[in-house]
């Protein structure tokens, strides 16, 4: 395995204040990073065997999928 591309993330404040729901707080930043990465690398999710993020938990993962779908990217 080797790294051929990288996209540093940036802070996206979605206004989530529940410290027990950090997945929901991190999902918008994950979406931003993935969208920028796919555009910069001119690739699609289907080009990868796996897309791995930090622990978004169940709710954060669902939010991530919904937000990406709203931008026309399906990682389900």
N, C-alpha and C. Protein backbone atom coordinates (compact mmCIF):
# COMPACT_ATOMS: atom_id res chain seq x y z
N UNK A 1 0.84 -1.16 0.00
CA UNK A 1 0.00 0.00 0.00
C UNK A 1 0.90 1.24 0.00
N UNK A 2 0.45 2.27 -0.70
CA UNK A 2 1.19 3.52 -0.73
C UNK A 2 0.21 4.68 -0.87
N UNK A 3 0.66 5.85 -0.48
CA UNK A 3 -0.17 7.05 -0.57
C UNK A 3 0.15 7.74 -1.89
N UNK A 4 -0.88 7.93 -2.71
CA UNK A 4 -0.67 8.61 -3.99
C UNK A 4 -1.27 10.01 -4.00
N UNK A 5 -2.22 10.28 -3.09
CA UNK A 5 -2.85 11.59 -2.98
C UNK A 5 -3.16 11.85 -1.51
N UNK A 6 -3.29 13.09 -1.17
CA UNK A 6 -3.71 13.46 0.18
C UNK A 6 -4.53 14.74 0.11
N UNK A 7 -5.45 14.90 1.05
CA UNK A 7 -6.26 16.12 1.14
C UNK A 7 -6.43 16.46 2.61
N UNK A 8 -5.73 17.47 3.08
CA UNK A 8 -5.89 17.82 4.49
C UNK A 8 -7.30 18.35 4.75
N UNK A 9 -7.84 18.00 5.89
CA UNK A 9 -9.16 18.46 6.26
C UNK A 9 -9.10 19.87 6.83
N UNK A 10 -10.27 20.45 6.98
CA UNK A 10 -10.36 21.76 7.62
C UNK A 10 -11.57 21.76 8.53
N UNK A 11 -11.59 22.65 9.45
CA UNK A 11 -12.68 22.71 10.42
C UNK A 11 -13.94 23.26 9.76
N UNK A 12 -15.03 22.54 9.93
CA UNK A 12 -16.34 22.98 9.48
C UNK A 12 -17.24 22.95 10.71
N UNK A 13 -17.63 24.10 11.20
CA UNK A 13 -18.45 24.16 12.41
C UNK A 13 -19.92 24.08 12.04
N UNK A 14 -20.53 22.93 12.34
CA UNK A 14 -21.94 22.72 12.02
C UNK A 14 -22.84 23.13 13.17
N UNK A 15 -22.26 23.65 14.24
CA UNK A 15 -23.05 24.11 15.37
C UNK A 15 -23.53 23.00 16.29
N UNK A 16 -22.94 21.82 16.20
CA UNK A 16 -23.32 20.70 17.07
C UNK A 16 -22.68 20.92 18.44
N UNK A 17 -23.49 20.97 19.48
CA UNK A 17 -22.97 21.22 20.83
C UNK A 17 -23.05 20.01 21.75
N UNK A 18 -23.58 18.91 21.26
CA UNK A 18 -23.74 17.70 22.06
C UNK A 18 -22.42 16.93 22.08
N UNK A 19 -21.73 16.93 23.22
CA UNK A 19 -20.43 16.27 23.30
C UNK A 19 -20.54 14.75 23.15
N UNK A 20 -21.75 14.22 23.24
CA UNK A 20 -21.95 12.78 23.06
C UNK A 20 -22.25 12.42 21.61
N UNK A 21 -22.22 13.38 20.73
CA UNK A 21 -22.53 13.14 19.33
C UNK A 21 -21.48 13.78 18.44
N UNK A 22 -20.25 13.41 18.64
CA UNK A 22 -19.16 14.00 17.86
C UNK A 22 -19.18 13.54 16.40
N UNK A 23 -19.79 12.39 16.11
CA UNK A 23 -19.91 11.95 14.72
C UNK A 23 -20.68 12.96 13.89
N UNK A 24 -21.78 13.48 14.45
CA UNK A 24 -22.57 14.49 13.75
C UNK A 24 -21.77 15.77 13.58
N UNK A 25 -20.93 16.09 14.56
CA UNK A 25 -20.11 17.30 14.48
C UNK A 25 -19.01 17.16 13.42
N UNK A 26 -18.48 15.95 13.25
CA UNK A 26 -17.36 15.73 12.32
C UNK A 26 -17.80 15.42 10.89
N UNK A 27 -19.04 14.97 10.70
CA UNK A 27 -19.50 14.57 9.37
C UNK A 27 -19.39 15.68 8.32
N UNK A 28 -19.79 16.92 8.60
CA UNK A 28 -19.67 17.97 7.57
C UNK A 28 -18.22 18.21 7.12
N UNK A 29 -17.27 18.14 8.03
CA UNK A 29 -15.86 18.31 7.65
C UNK A 29 -15.39 17.13 6.82
N UNK A 30 -15.87 15.94 7.13
CA UNK A 30 -15.52 14.76 6.35
C UNK A 30 -16.05 14.89 4.93
N UNK A 31 -17.29 15.36 4.80
CA UNK A 31 -17.89 15.57 3.47
C UNK A 31 -17.05 16.57 2.68
N UNK A 32 -16.71 17.68 3.29
CA UNK A 32 -15.92 18.70 2.61
C UNK A 32 -14.59 18.13 2.13
N UNK A 33 -13.92 17.38 2.98
CA UNK A 33 -12.62 16.79 2.63
C UNK A 33 -12.77 15.80 1.48
N UNK A 34 -13.77 14.92 1.55
CA UNK A 34 -13.95 13.93 0.50
C UNK A 34 -14.32 14.59 -0.84
N UNK A 35 -15.22 15.57 -0.81
CA UNK A 35 -15.61 16.26 -2.05
C UNK A 35 -14.40 16.94 -2.68
N UNK A 36 -13.61 17.65 -1.87
CA UNK A 36 -12.41 18.31 -2.40
C UNK A 36 -11.43 17.29 -2.95
N UNK A 37 -11.27 16.17 -2.25
CA UNK A 37 -10.34 15.14 -2.69
C UNK A 37 -10.77 14.53 -4.03
N UNK A 38 -12.04 14.16 -4.15
CA UNK A 38 -12.52 13.57 -5.40
C UNK A 38 -12.35 14.54 -6.57
N UNK A 39 -12.62 15.80 -6.33
CA UNK A 39 -12.45 16.80 -7.41
C UNK A 39 -10.98 16.95 -7.79
N UNK A 40 -10.12 17.11 -6.80
CA UNK A 40 -8.69 17.33 -7.05
C UNK A 40 -8.03 16.12 -7.71
N UNK A 41 -8.43 14.93 -7.31
CA UNK A 41 -7.81 13.72 -7.86
C UNK A 41 -8.54 13.20 -9.10
N UNK A 42 -9.66 13.84 -9.44
CA UNK A 42 -10.49 13.44 -10.57
C UNK A 42 -10.84 11.95 -10.48
N UNK A 43 -11.26 11.54 -9.27
CA UNK A 43 -11.67 10.16 -9.04
C UNK A 43 -13.07 10.14 -8.46
N UNK A 44 -13.62 8.94 -8.35
CA UNK A 44 -14.95 8.71 -7.78
C UNK A 44 -14.83 7.68 -6.67
N UNK A 45 -15.80 7.60 -5.78
CA UNK A 45 -15.75 6.58 -4.72
C UNK A 45 -15.59 5.17 -5.28
N UNK A 46 -16.16 4.91 -6.44
CA UNK A 46 -16.07 3.59 -7.04
C UNK A 46 -14.64 3.19 -7.42
N UNK A 47 -13.74 4.16 -7.47
CA UNK A 47 -12.35 3.89 -7.82
C UNK A 47 -11.55 3.31 -6.65
N UNK A 48 -12.17 3.20 -5.48
CA UNK A 48 -11.46 2.78 -4.27
C UNK A 48 -12.08 1.52 -3.68
N UNK A 49 -11.22 0.70 -3.09
CA UNK A 49 -11.69 -0.50 -2.39
C UNK A 49 -12.32 -0.13 -1.05
N UNK A 50 -11.82 0.92 -0.42
CA UNK A 50 -12.34 1.35 0.88
C UNK A 50 -12.11 2.85 1.05
N UNK A 51 -13.04 3.47 1.74
CA UNK A 51 -12.89 4.87 2.15
C UNK A 51 -13.00 4.84 3.67
N UNK A 52 -11.93 5.21 4.34
CA UNK A 52 -11.86 5.07 5.79
C UNK A 52 -11.78 6.45 6.43
N UNK A 53 -12.65 6.67 7.41
CA UNK A 53 -12.63 7.93 8.16
C UNK A 53 -12.41 7.60 9.63
N UNK A 54 -12.35 8.62 10.44
CA UNK A 54 -12.34 8.40 11.88
C UNK A 54 -13.68 7.85 12.32
N UNK A 55 -13.83 7.59 13.57
CA UNK A 55 -15.06 6.99 14.11
C UNK A 55 -16.17 8.02 14.14
N UNK A 56 -17.04 7.98 13.14
CA UNK A 56 -18.19 8.88 13.10
C UNK A 56 -19.38 8.30 13.85
N UNK A 57 -19.31 7.03 14.20
CA UNK A 57 -20.44 6.38 14.85
C UNK A 57 -21.57 6.16 13.85
N UNK A 58 -22.64 5.56 14.31
CA UNK A 58 -23.76 5.26 13.42
C UNK A 58 -24.41 6.54 12.87
N UNK A 59 -24.75 7.44 13.76
CA UNK A 59 -25.45 8.66 13.32
C UNK A 59 -24.58 9.52 12.42
N UNK A 60 -23.32 9.70 12.79
CA UNK A 60 -22.41 10.48 11.95
C UNK A 60 -22.21 9.86 10.58
N UNK A 61 -22.15 8.52 10.53
CA UNK A 61 -21.99 7.83 9.25
C UNK A 61 -23.21 8.02 8.36
N UNK A 62 -24.38 7.98 8.96
CA UNK A 62 -25.61 8.21 8.19
C UNK A 62 -25.67 9.65 7.69
N UNK A 63 -25.28 10.59 8.53
CA UNK A 63 -25.24 12.00 8.12
C UNK A 63 -24.25 12.17 6.97
N UNK A 64 -23.08 11.54 7.08
CA UNK A 64 -22.07 11.60 6.02
C UNK A 64 -22.66 11.12 4.70
N UNK A 65 -23.31 9.96 4.70
CA UNK A 65 -23.89 9.40 3.47
C UNK A 65 -24.97 10.33 2.90
N UNK A 66 -25.82 10.85 3.77
CA UNK A 66 -26.89 11.76 3.31
C UNK A 66 -26.32 13.05 2.71
N UNK A 67 -25.33 13.64 3.38
CA UNK A 67 -24.74 14.88 2.87
C UNK A 67 -24.03 14.65 1.55
N UNK A 68 -23.33 13.52 1.41
CA UNK A 68 -22.67 13.23 0.14
C UNK A 68 -23.70 12.98 -0.96
N UNK A 69 -24.77 12.26 -0.63
CA UNK A 69 -25.83 12.03 -1.63
C UNK A 69 -26.43 13.35 -2.11
N UNK A 70 -26.58 14.31 -1.20
CA UNK A 70 -27.12 15.61 -1.60
C UNK A 70 -26.20 16.34 -2.56
N UNK A 71 -24.94 15.92 -2.61
CA UNK A 71 -23.97 16.51 -3.55
C UNK A 71 -23.72 15.59 -4.75
N UNK A 72 -24.52 14.54 -4.87
CA UNK A 72 -24.42 13.64 -6.01
C UNK A 72 -23.35 12.58 -5.89
N UNK A 73 -22.88 12.32 -4.69
CA UNK A 73 -21.84 11.30 -4.46
C UNK A 73 -22.43 10.20 -3.59
N UNK A 74 -22.44 8.98 -4.12
CA UNK A 74 -23.01 7.84 -3.41
C UNK A 74 -21.91 6.92 -2.91
N UNK A 75 -21.72 6.86 -1.60
CA UNK A 75 -20.72 5.94 -1.03
C UNK A 75 -21.36 4.78 -0.30
N UNK A 76 -22.69 4.63 -0.47
CA UNK A 76 -23.37 3.52 0.20
C UNK A 76 -22.87 2.25 -0.37
